[in-house]
Amino acid sequence: MIRQVDGVRLHPLVLDEDLPVLSRLVLPALSERRLITRPLPGTSLRSTLGLERPANRFAAPAVAAQEDAR
């Protein structure tokens, strides 16, 4: 299944009951079998795909800000 599936999402049906079970039993078992790994700090989908950070649409462009100052 590892070759066909890139990832799964585990959704607890009842958060207060199922989340502790997932964190205490399921995730450690998957980790021991090396079926899951912890994400590296600072990594993101954007960096994984090699995408640059988009320009901030709320920041004024440097040229327009200088012209407004005159």
Protein backbone atom coordinates (compact mmCIF):
# COMPACT_ATOMS: atom_id res chain seq x y z
CA MET A 1 0.00 0.00 0.00
CA ILE A 2 2.95 2.34 0.56
CA ARG A 3 3.64 2.43 -3.17
CA GLN A 4 0.07 3.40 -4.05
CA VAL A 5 -0.78 5.85 -1.25
CA ASP A 6 1.08 9.10 -0.62
CA GLY A 7 -0.82 10.07 2.52
CA VAL A 8 -3.98 9.68 4.53
CA ARG A 9 -5.92 11.80 6.97
CA LEU A 10 -7.12 10.39 10.24
CA HIS A 11 -10.36 12.02 11.35
CA PRO A 12 -11.52 11.22 14.86
CA LEU A 13 -15.27 10.61 14.90
CA VAL A 14 -15.68 11.87 18.46
CA LEU A 15 -12.85 14.27 19.18
CA ASP A 16 -12.71 13.84 22.97
CA GLU A 17 -12.69 10.05 22.72
CA ASP A 18 -10.87 9.20 19.53
CA LEU A 19 -8.07 11.78 19.51
CA PRO A 20 -6.39 10.39 22.64
CA VAL A 21 -6.59 6.87 21.15
CA LEU A 22 -5.04 8.07 17.89
CA SER A 23 -2.22 9.90 19.64
CA ARG A 24 -1.55 7.18 22.23
CA LEU A 25 -1.94 3.99 20.18
CA VAL A 26 -2.27 4.48 16.44
CA LEU A 27 0.39 7.10 15.67
CA PRO A 28 3.17 5.42 17.71
CA ALA A 29 2.40 2.07 16.04
CA LEU A 30 2.60 3.64 12.58
CA SER A 31 5.81 5.41 13.54
CA GLU A 32 7.42 2.17 14.80
CA ARG A 33 6.67 0.53 11.45
CA ARG A 34 8.12 3.57 9.68
CA LEU A 35 4.85 4.16 7.87
CA ILE A 36 4.76 7.78 9.01
CA THR A 37 7.44 10.29 9.83
CA ARG A 38 7.35 13.58 11.65
CA PRO A 39 7.50 16.61 9.37
CA LEU A 40 10.79 18.47 9.40
CA PRO A 41 10.68 21.90 11.04
CA GLY A 42 10.29 24.71 8.57
CA THR A 43 9.13 22.52 5.72
CA SER A 44 5.93 23.22 3.89
CA LEU A 45 4.07 22.09 0.81
CA ARG A 46 5.35 25.22 -0.95
CA SER A 47 8.98 24.33 -0.24
CA THR A 48 8.38 20.68 -1.14
CA LEU A 49 7.02 21.72 -4.53
CA GLY A 50 9.82 24.26 -5.02
CA LEU A 51 7.47 27.24 -5.22
CA GLU A 52 8.54 30.74 -4.33
CA ARG A 53 6.63 32.77 -1.80
CA PRO A 54 4.02 34.92 -3.57
CA ALA A 55 4.18 38.71 -3.42
CA ASN A 56 2.19 40.28 -0.63
CA ARG A 57 -0.81 41.85 -2.34
CA PHE A 58 -1.30 44.24 0.59
CA ALA A 59 2.23 45.64 0.53
CA ALA A 60 2.66 48.75 -1.57
CA PRO A 61 5.16 48.37 -4.41
CA ALA A 62 8.40 50.26 -3.72
CA VAL A 63 8.01 52.54 -6.78
CA ALA A 64 4.43 53.52 -5.98
CA ALA A 65 5.32 54.19 -2.34
CA GLN A 66 8.14 56.55 -3.39
CA GLU A 67 5.88 58.43 -5.81
CA ASP A 68 3.20 58.85 -3.13
CA ALA A 69 5.79 60.30 -0.77
CA ARG A 70 6.58 63.16 -3.23
